């Protein structure tokens, strides 16, 4: 009886307060439901020629846990889709099965919400050798600045093996 009561309360809350919400990993268990699904976009694929956009959640194709599909006719509603790579999104719609994988088709901009924006990628730094400040050699006590920009003191070396070996 307690189990039935708990399920009834959950169903009532979902009906009154909105749609069910699942993680992208749970989407495959809810085919046919209209729900909100949230997760991290790991890959964005724009089909050359057609303009169709696929936002793959969880893993890259073909291991994705969910795909949010934007057909070419609606792509202008979601400009610069590459910005979603690495972001945590919430997508709402009917969870359908396509080629054994769950997907939600996005037809309006309000079906997609950015929960956490993608982190900006660090610009690649050219490889460089550490520079020595103060003298031309790295003698004990000298300051060495590494490629990461952090300054470190050179430790004295004794013996045939480096410290820690």
C-alpha atoms as a PDB file:
ATOM      1  CA  UNK A   1       0.000   0.000   0.000  1.00  0.00           C
ATOM      2  CA  UNK A   2       2.860   2.423   0.837  1.00  0.00           C
ATOM      3  CA  UNK A   3       4.462   1.662  -2.554  1.00  0.00           C
ATOM      4  CA  UNK A   4       1.203   2.420  -4.386  1.00  0.00           C
ATOM      5  CA  UNK A   5       0.756   5.638  -2.415  1.00  0.00           C
ATOM      6  CA  UNK A   6       4.304   6.784  -3.235  1.00  0.00           C
ATOM      7  CA  UNK A   7       3.783   6.081  -6.959  1.00  0.00           C
ATOM      8  CA  UNK A   8       0.451   7.900  -6.916  1.00  0.00           C
ATOM      9  CA  UNK A   9       2.061  10.956  -5.301  1.00  0.00           C
ATOM     10  CA  UNK A  10       4.868  10.923  -7.877  1.00  0.00           C
ATOM     11  CA  UNK A  11       2.404  10.663 -10.763  1.00  0.00           C
ATOM     12  CA  UNK A  12       0.312  13.496  -9.304  1.00  0.00           C
ATOM     13  CA  UNK A  13       3.376  15.713  -8.792  1.00  0.00           C
ATOM     14  CA  UNK A  14       4.532  15.073 -12.352  1.00  0.00           C
ATOM     15  CA  UNK A  15       1.081  15.922 -13.717  1.00  0.00           C
ATOM     16  CA  UNK A  16       0.625  19.041 -11.598  1.00  0.00           C
ATOM     17  CA  UNK A  17       4.159  20.429 -11.613  1.00  0.00           C
ATOM     18  CA  UNK A  18       5.358  19.488 -15.091  1.00  0.00           C
ATOM     19  CA  UNK A  19       6.920  16.713 -17.057  1.00  0.00           C
ATOM     20  CA  UNK A  20       9.131  13.959 -15.789  1.00  0.00           C
ATOM     21  CA  UNK A  21      12.855  14.647 -15.758  1.00  0.00           C
ATOM     22  CA  UNK A  22      15.538  12.050 -16.521  1.00  0.00           C
ATOM     23  CA  UNK A  23      19.272  11.927 -17.083  1.00  0.00           C
ATOM     24  CA  UNK A  24      20.480  11.110 -20.599  1.00  0.00           C
ATOM     25  CA  UNK A  25      21.543   7.668 -19.324  1.00  0.00           C
ATOM     26  CA  UNK A  26      17.941   6.957 -18.259  1.00  0.00           C
ATOM     27  CA  UNK A  27      16.331   8.090 -21.536  1.00  0.00           C
ATOM     28  CA  UNK A  28      16.341   4.623 -23.128  1.00  0.00           C
ATOM     29  CA  UNK A  29      14.079   3.385 -20.315  1.00  0.00           C
ATOM     30  CA  UNK A  30      11.408   5.977 -21.161  1.00  0.00           C
ATOM     31  CA  UNK A  31      10.752   5.562 -24.885  1.00  0.00           C
ATOM     32  CA  UNK A  32       7.377   7.040 -25.843  1.00  0.00           C
ATOM     33  CA  UNK A  33       7.263   9.471 -22.912  1.00  0.00           C
ATOM     34  CA  UNK A  34       7.357  13.226 -23.237  1.00  0.00           C
ATOM     35  CA  UNK A  35       9.946  14.336 -20.734  1.00  0.00           C
ATOM     36  CA  UNK A  36      12.823  16.624 -19.908  1.00  0.00           C
ATOM     37  CA  UNK A  37      16.201  14.910 -20.351  1.00  0.00           C
ATOM     38  CA  UNK A  38      19.413  16.458 -19.082  1.00  0.00           C
ATOM     39  CA  UNK A  39      23.064  15.636 -19.598  1.00  0.00           C
ATOM     40  CA  UNK A  40      26.381  16.687 -21.075  1.00  0.00           C
ATOM     41  CA  UNK A  41      26.780  17.113 -24.829  1.00  0.00           C
ATOM     42  CA  UNK A  42      29.997  15.387 -25.857  1.00  0.00           C
ATOM     43  CA  UNK A  43      29.711  15.740 -29.618  1.00  0.00           C
ATOM     44  CA  UNK A  44      27.974  18.061 -32.087  1.00  0.00           C
ATOM     45  CA  UNK A  45      27.572  16.872 -35.664  1.00  0.00           C
ATOM     46  CA  UNK A  46      26.266  19.085 -38.471  1.00  0.00           C
ATOM     47  CA  UNK A  47      25.456  17.000 -41.533  1.00  0.00           C
ATOM     48  CA  UNK A  48      27.123  18.578 -44.564  1.00  0.00           C
ATOM     49  CA  UNK A  49      24.678  19.275 -47.360  1.00  0.00           C
ATOM     50  CA  UNK A  50      21.477  18.891 -45.344  1.00  0.00           C
ATOM     51  CA  UNK A  51      22.263  21.145 -42.361  1.00  0.00           C
ATOM     52  CA  UNK A  52      20.716  18.711 -39.887  1.00  0.00           C
ATOM     53  CA  UNK A  53      22.288  18.999 -36.420  1.00  0.00           C
ATOM     54  CA  UNK A  54      22.793  16.168 -33.936  1.00  0.00           C
ATOM     55  CA  UNK A  55      23.740  16.862 -30.326  1.00  0.00           C
ATOM     56  CA  UNK A  56      25.085  13.614 -28.849  1.00  0.00           C
ATOM     57  CA  UNK A  57      24.897  13.198 -25.085  1.00  0.00           C
ATOM     58  CA  UNK A  58      26.983  10.937 -22.847  1.00  0.00           C
ATOM     59  CA  UNK A  59      29.374   9.518 -25.437  1.00  0.00           C
ATOM     60  CA  UNK A  60      30.324  10.145 -29.047  1.00  0.00           C
ATOM     61  CA  UNK A  61      28.422   8.372 -31.845  1.00  0.00           C
ATOM     62  CA  UNK A  62      27.754   5.452 -31.980  1.00  0.00           C
ATOM     63  CA  UNK A  63      27.823   5.077 -28.180  1.00  0.00           C
ATOM     64  CA  UNK A  64      25.684   8.115 -27.368  1.00  0.00           C
ATOM     65  CA  UNK A  65      23.061   7.819 -24.622  1.00  0.00           C
ATOM     66  CA  UNK A  66      20.726  10.348 -26.287  1.00  0.00           C
ATOM     67  CA  UNK A  67      20.686  12.450 -29.448  1.00  0.00           C
ATOM     68  CA  UNK A  68      18.870  15.773 -29.722  1.00  0.00           C
ATOM     69  CA  UNK A  69      18.048  16.133 -33.420  1.00  0.00           C
ATOM     70  CA  UNK A  70      17.510  19.496 -35.099  1.00  0.00           C
ATOM     71  CA  UNK A  71      16.302  19.176 -38.677  1.00  0.00           C
ATOM     72  CA  UNK A  72      17.651  21.694 -41.207  1.00  0.00           C
ATOM     73  CA  UNK A  73      14.372  23.660 -41.358  1.00  0.00           C
ATOM     74  CA  UNK A  74      14.644  24.461 -37.648  1.00  0.00           C
ATOM     75  CA  UNK A  75      18.437  24.910 -37.447  1.00  0.00           C
ATOM     76  CA  UNK A  76      18.181  28.725 -37.505  1.00  0.00           C
ATOM     77  CA  UNK A  77      16.413  28.513 -34.131  1.00  0.00           C
ATOM     78  CA  UNK A  78      19.642  27.085 -32.665  1.00  0.00           C
ATOM     79  CA  UNK A  79      22.489  29.229 -34.091  1.00  0.00           C
ATOM     80  CA  UNK A  80      26.100  28.137 -33.647  1.00  0.00           C
ATOM     81  CA  UNK A  81      25.303  24.611 -32.407  1.00  0.00           C
ATOM     82  CA  UNK A  82      29.017  23.911 -31.818  1.00  0.00           C
ATOM     83  CA  UNK A  83      28.771  26.064 -28.674  1.00  0.00           C
ATOM     84  CA  UNK A  84      26.804  23.224 -27.039  1.00  0.00           C
ATOM     85  CA  UNK A  85      29.765  20.818 -27.125  1.00  0.00           C
ATOM     86  CA  UNK A  86      30.825  20.317 -23.517  1.00  0.00           C
ATOM     87  CA  UNK A  87      27.724  22.052 -22.148  1.00  0.00           C
ATOM     88  CA  UNK A  88      25.147  20.475 -19.866  1.00  0.00           C
ATOM     89  CA  UNK A  89      21.736  20.842 -21.485  1.00  0.00           C
ATOM     90  CA  UNK A  90      18.136  20.051 -20.765  1.00  0.00           C
ATOM     91  CA  UNK A  91      16.047  19.024 -23.779  1.00  0.00           C
ATOM     92  CA  UNK A  92      12.302  18.444 -23.675  1.00  0.00           C
ATOM     93  CA  UNK A  93      10.170  16.381 -26.019  1.00  0.00           C
ATOM     94  CA  UNK A  94       9.015  12.906 -26.860  1.00  0.00           C
ATOM     95  CA  UNK A  95      11.738  10.326 -26.380  1.00  0.00           C
ATOM     96  CA  UNK A  96      11.761   8.165 -29.497  1.00  0.00           C
ATOM     97  CA  UNK A  97      13.881   5.249 -30.556  1.00  0.00           C
ATOM     98  CA  UNK A  98      15.884   5.646 -33.779  1.00  0.00           C
ATOM     99  CA  UNK A  99      18.235   2.857 -34.829  1.00  0.00           C
ATOM    100  CA  UNK A 100      18.159   1.448 -31.282  1.00  0.00           C
ATOM    101  CA  UNK A 101      19.157   4.801 -29.709  1.00  0.00           C
ATOM    102  CA  UNK A 102      16.928   7.306 -27.881  1.00  0.00           C
ATOM    103  CA  UNK A 103      16.443  10.714 -29.460  1.00  0.00           C
ATOM    104  CA  UNK A 104      14.402  13.866 -29.005  1.00  0.00           C
ATOM    105  CA  UNK A 105      13.581  16.100 -31.971  1.00  0.00           C
ATOM    106  CA  UNK A 106      13.907  19.816 -31.236  1.00  0.00           C
ATOM    107  CA  UNK A 107      11.420  21.967 -33.135  1.00  0.00           C
ATOM    108  CA  UNK A 108      11.239  25.087 -30.945  1.00  0.00           C
ATOM    109  CA  UNK A 109      13.954  27.021 -29.119  1.00  0.00           C
ATOM    110  CA  UNK A 110      12.212  26.604 -25.751  1.00  0.00           C
ATOM    111  CA  UNK A 111      12.806  22.836 -25.913  1.00  0.00           C
ATOM    112  CA  UNK A 112      16.505  23.418 -25.150  1.00  0.00           C
ATOM    113  CA  UNK A 113      17.907  24.994 -21.991  1.00  0.00           C
ATOM    114  CA  UNK A 114      21.579  25.468 -21.196  1.00  0.00           C
ATOM    115  CA  UNK A 115      22.135  24.327 -17.606  1.00  0.00           C
ATOM    116  CA  UNK A 116      25.922  24.762 -17.636  1.00  0.00           C
ATOM    117  CA  UNK A 117      27.754  26.401 -20.513  1.00  0.00           C
ATOM    118  CA  UNK A 118      30.750  24.681 -22.059  1.00  0.00           C
ATOM    119  CA  UNK A 119      34.061  25.680 -20.504  1.00  0.00           C
ATOM    120  CA  UNK A 120      36.192  27.817 -22.746  1.00  0.00           C
ATOM    121  CA  UNK A 121      39.068  25.837 -24.159  1.00  0.00           C
ATOM    122  CA  UNK A 122      42.521  26.902 -23.120  1.00  0.00           C
ATOM    123  CA  UNK A 123      44.483  28.229 -26.039  1.00  0.00           C
ATOM    124  CA  UNK A 124      47.341  25.890 -26.857  1.00  0.00           C
ATOM    125  CA  UNK A 125      50.717  27.141 -25.669  1.00  0.00           C
ATOM    126  CA  UNK A 126      53.752  26.510 -27.834  1.00  0.00           C
ATOM    127  CA  UNK A 127      56.192  24.056 -26.321  1.00  0.00           C
ATOM    128  CA  UNK A 128      59.183  25.831 -24.909  1.00  0.00           C
ATOM    129  CA  UNK A 129      62.063  24.950 -22.705  1.00  0.00           C
ATOM    130  CA  UNK A 130      62.193  26.325 -19.175  1.00  0.00           C
ATOM    131  CA  UNK A 131      63.905  29.661 -18.863  1.00  0.00           C
ATOM    132  CA  UNK A 132      66.375  30.415 -16.130  1.00  0.00           C
ATOM    133  CA  UNK A 133      66.110  33.790 -14.489  1.00  0.00           C
ATOM    134  CA  UNK A 134      69.172  35.462 -13.074  1.00  0.00           C
ATOM    135  CA  UNK A 135      71.899  33.277 -14.612  1.00  0.00           C
ATOM    136  CA  UNK A 136      72.674  31.263 -17.706  1.00  0.00           C
ATOM    137  CA  UNK A 137      72.826  27.940 -15.885  1.00  0.00           C
ATOM    138  CA  UNK A 138      70.357  26.186 -13.605  1.00  0.00           C
ATOM    139  CA  UNK A 139      72.562  25.974 -10.531  1.00  0.00           C
ATOM    140  CA  UNK A 140      71.084  25.015  -7.164  1.00  0.00           C
ATOM    141  CA  UNK A 141      69.065  27.857  -5.730  1.00  0.00           C
ATOM    142  CA  UNK A 142      68.454  29.450  -9.148  1.00  0.00           C
ATOM    143  CA  UNK A 143      64.910  30.284 -10.183  1.00  0.00           C
ATOM    144  CA  UNK A 144      63.522  28.399 -13.191  1.00  0.00           C
ATOM    145  CA  UNK A 145      60.317  29.442 -14.950  1.00  0.00           C
ATOM    146  CA  UNK A 146      58.560  26.536 -16.658  1.00  0.00           C
ATOM    147  CA  UNK A 147      56.314  26.629 -19.753  1.00  0.00           C
ATOM    148  CA  UNK A 148      53.329  26.932 -17.411  1.00  0.00           C
ATOM    149  CA  UNK A 149      54.669  30.288 -16.200  1.00  0.00           C
ATOM    150  CA  UNK A 150      55.363  29.010 -12.670  1.00  0.00           C
ATOM    151  CA  UNK A 151      58.710  29.913 -11.141  1.00  0.00           C
ATOM    152  CA  UNK A 152      60.503  27.170  -9.183  1.00  0.00           C
ATOM    153  CA  UNK A 153      63.799  26.900  -7.276  1.00  0.00           C
ATOM    154  CA  UNK A 154      66.373  24.406  -8.560  1.00  0.00           C
ATOM    155  CA  UNK A 155      67.140  21.804  -5.898  1.00  0.00           C
ATOM    156  CA  UNK A 156      70.699  20.554  -5.341  1.00  0.00           C
ATOM    157  CA  UNK A 157      71.470  17.136  -6.821  1.00  0.00           C
ATOM    158  CA  UNK A 158      73.562  14.624  -4.995  1.00  0.00           C
ATOM    159  CA  UNK A 159      74.417  11.072  -5.980  1.00  0.00           C
ATOM    160  CA  UNK A 160      73.952   9.169  -9.200  1.00  0.00           C
ATOM    161  CA  UNK A 161      70.185   8.899  -9.004  1.00  0.00           C
ATOM    162  CA  UNK A 162      67.672  11.724  -9.038  1.00  0.00           C
ATOM    163  CA  UNK A 163      65.833  12.293  -5.755  1.00  0.00           C
ATOM    164  CA  UNK A 164      62.947   9.865  -5.198  1.00  0.00           C
ATOM    165  CA  UNK A 165      64.413   6.956  -7.192  1.00  0.00           C
END
